[in-house]
Protein backbone atom coordinates (compact mmCIF):
# COMPACT_ATOMS: atom_id res chain seq x y z
CA MET A 1 1.68 20.34 -15.25
CA GLU A 2 -1.98 21.12 -15.87
CA PRO A 3 -4.08 22.13 -13.04
CA THR A 4 -6.83 19.39 -13.54
CA ALA A 5 -4.03 16.61 -13.37
CA LEU A 6 -2.70 18.44 -10.17
CA MET A 7 -6.14 18.33 -8.54
CA HIS A 8 -6.84 14.86 -9.61
CA THR A 9 -3.75 13.47 -8.10
CA SER A 10 -4.33 15.76 -4.87
CA ALA A 11 -7.85 14.23 -4.58
CA LEU A 12 -6.48 10.64 -4.96
CA SER A 13 -3.95 11.10 -2.23
CA SER A 14 -6.27 13.13 -0.08
CA GLY A 15 -8.92 10.32 -0.37
CA ILE A 16 -6.54 7.53 0.57
CA ALA A 17 -5.29 9.87 3.33
CA VAL A 18 -8.85 10.34 4.72
CA GLY A 19 -9.59 6.57 4.33
CA GLY A 20 -6.36 6.00 6.61
CA GLY A 21 -7.55 8.34 9.10
CA LEU A 22 -10.92 7.11 9.44
CA THR A 23 -9.35 3.72 9.96
CA MET A 24 -7.26 5.01 12.76
CA ALA A 25 -10.35 6.67 14.22
CA VAL A 26 -12.30 3.41 14.15
CA MET A 27 -9.38 1.64 15.79
CA ARG A 28 -9.41 4.11 18.54
CA LEU A 29 -13.28 3.85 18.93
CA PHE A 30 -12.71 0.25 19.49
CA GLY A 31 -10.50 0.61 22.47
CA MET A 32 -7.08 0.85 21.00
CA PRO A 33 -5.33 3.68 22.93
CA ASN A 34 -3.19 4.76 19.88
CA PRO A 35 -2.62 3.46 16.26
CA PRO A 36 0.75 2.22 15.47
CA ALA A 37 3.18 4.76 14.40
CA ARG A 38 3.82 3.26 10.87
CA LEU A 39 0.04 3.34 10.23
CA ALA A 40 -0.15 6.97 11.32
CA MET A 41 2.65 7.97 8.97
CA VAL A 42 1.04 6.64 5.90
CA PRO A 43 -2.08 8.96 6.01
CA THR A 44 0.17 11.92 7.13
CA VAL A 45 2.50 11.56 4.19
CA LEU A 46 -0.15 10.97 1.67
CA ALA A 47 -2.24 14.09 3.07
CA GLY A 48 1.26 16.09 2.79
CA VAL A 49 1.45 15.18 -0.90
CA GLY A 50 -1.91 16.09 -1.61
CA MET A 51 -1.94 19.37 0.36
CA SER A 52 1.49 20.39 -1.49
CA LEU A 53 -0.01 19.64 -4.94
CA LEU A 54 -3.16 21.52 -4.17
CA ALA A 55 -1.04 24.50 -2.94
CA TYR A 56 1.32 24.41 -6.00
CA ALA A 57 -1.85 24.51 -8.19
CA ALA A 58 -3.46 27.18 -6.32
CA LEU A 59 -0.24 29.29 -6.31
CA THR A 60 0.89 28.89 -9.84
CA VAL A 61 -2.17 28.30 -12.21
CA GLY A 62 -5.09 29.09 -9.81
CA ILE A 63 -7.86 26.93 -8.65
CA ALA A 64 -11.40 27.30 -8.00
CA PRO A 65 -12.74 29.13 -4.76
CA MET A 66 -14.21 25.97 -3.51
CA ALA A 67 -10.84 24.15 -3.93
CA GLN A 68 -9.10 26.96 -2.24
CA PHE A 69 -11.45 26.48 0.59
CA ALA A 70 -10.74 22.64 0.52
CA LEU A 71 -7.11 23.62 0.82
CA GLY A 72 -7.96 25.60 3.80
CA LEU A 73 -9.61 22.68 5.49
CA PHE A 74 -6.82 20.30 4.67
CA VAL A 75 -4.35 22.77 6.39
CA LEU A 76 -6.68 22.82 9.45
CA ALA A 77 -6.93 19.13 9.47
CA ALA A 78 -3.09 18.75 9.31
CA ALA A 79 -2.75 21.28 12.11
CA MET A 80 -5.15 19.13 14.20
CA GLY A 81 -3.26 16.04 13.37
CA ALA A 82 0.15 17.68 14.26
CA ALA A 83 -1.29 18.66 17.66
CA MET A 84 -2.59 15.25 18.25
CA ASN A 85 0.88 13.86 17.53
CA LEU A 86 2.79 16.33 19.53
CA LEU A 87 0.52 16.61 22.48
CA TYR A 88 -0.75 13.07 22.81
CA GLN A 89 0.89 10.36 20.54
CA ARG A 90 4.45 11.51 21.48
CA LYS A 91 3.95 11.37 25.09
CA GLN A 92 2.13 7.90 24.93
CA LEU A 93 -1.22 9.40 26.13
CA PRO A 94 -4.60 8.01 24.49
CA LEU A 95 -5.58 10.19 21.58
CA PRO A 96 -8.83 12.22 22.31
CA ILE A 97 -11.68 10.69 20.46
CA GLN A 98 -13.41 14.14 19.99
CA LEU A 99 -10.39 15.56 18.26
CA MET A 100 -9.96 12.61 16.19
CA LEU A 101 -13.54 12.82 15.11
CA ALA A 102 -13.27 16.54 14.54
CA GLN A 103 -10.18 16.15 12.42
CA ALA A 104 -11.64 13.21 10.37
CA PHE A 105 -14.69 15.42 9.70
CA VAL A 106 -12.74 18.49 8.57
CA ALA A 107 -10.61 16.41 6.38
CA ALA A 108 -13.59 14.59 4.76
CA VAL A 109 -15.51 17.81 4.20
CA GLY A 110 -12.38 19.34 2.48
CA LEU A 111 -12.18 15.95 0.40
CA VAL A 112 -15.70 16.42 -0.71
CA LEU A 113 -15.42 20.00 -1.59
CA LEU A 114 -12.34 19.32 -3.72
CA LEU A 115 -14.19 16.44 -5.48
CA VAL A 116 -17.22 18.92 -6.03
CA SER A 117 -14.89 21.57 -7.51
CA ILE A 118 -13.19 19.03 -9.89
CA TYR A 119 -16.30 17.18 -11.15
CA GLY A 120 -19.25 19.36 -10.28
CA PRO A 121 -19.07 21.64 -13.19
CA GLU A 122 -18.65 18.66 -15.56
CA TYR A 123 -21.78 17.15 -13.96
CA ILE A 124 -23.72 20.37 -13.97
CA GLY A 125 -22.99 21.04 -17.55
CA ASN A 126 -24.66 17.72 -18.61
CA LEU A 127 -27.79 18.12 -16.83
CA ARG A 128 -30.92 18.84 -18.72
CA PRO A 129 -33.61 21.16 -17.54
CA MET A 130 -36.72 19.37 -16.25
CA ILE A 131 -39.89 19.75 -18.21
CA MET A 132 -43.09 19.32 -16.60
CA ASN A 133 -46.16 18.26 -18.38
CA ASN A 134 -49.36 19.54 -16.71
CA THR A 135 -51.70 17.52 -19.14
């Protein structure tokens, strides 16, 4: 598989995972102590798929440094999610809002960096230089 297709698929699954994670964070902000376990599994699986594809692309064909940094942020967000699951959700304790928001922020920044690494060079290559007329 070519790296562009891997990165596009990774961005799609990661984007859906970030959306699901933000949905769970909003549910928690509106007073629900913990999201349902079935809802929590969907973003987890999709994030795992996106991370696996991005790691495969990084290890086999190589990806841009910005995409590598995005992968690192996705790994950090996954570790934060695992900590929330093991320390809070599993013990039926309410999830800490600060940790949920921090995880959502880290994952969203990783997604933005991944999208910029995919579409940024294409966009920048089509920009025309600004010409100023001082007449």
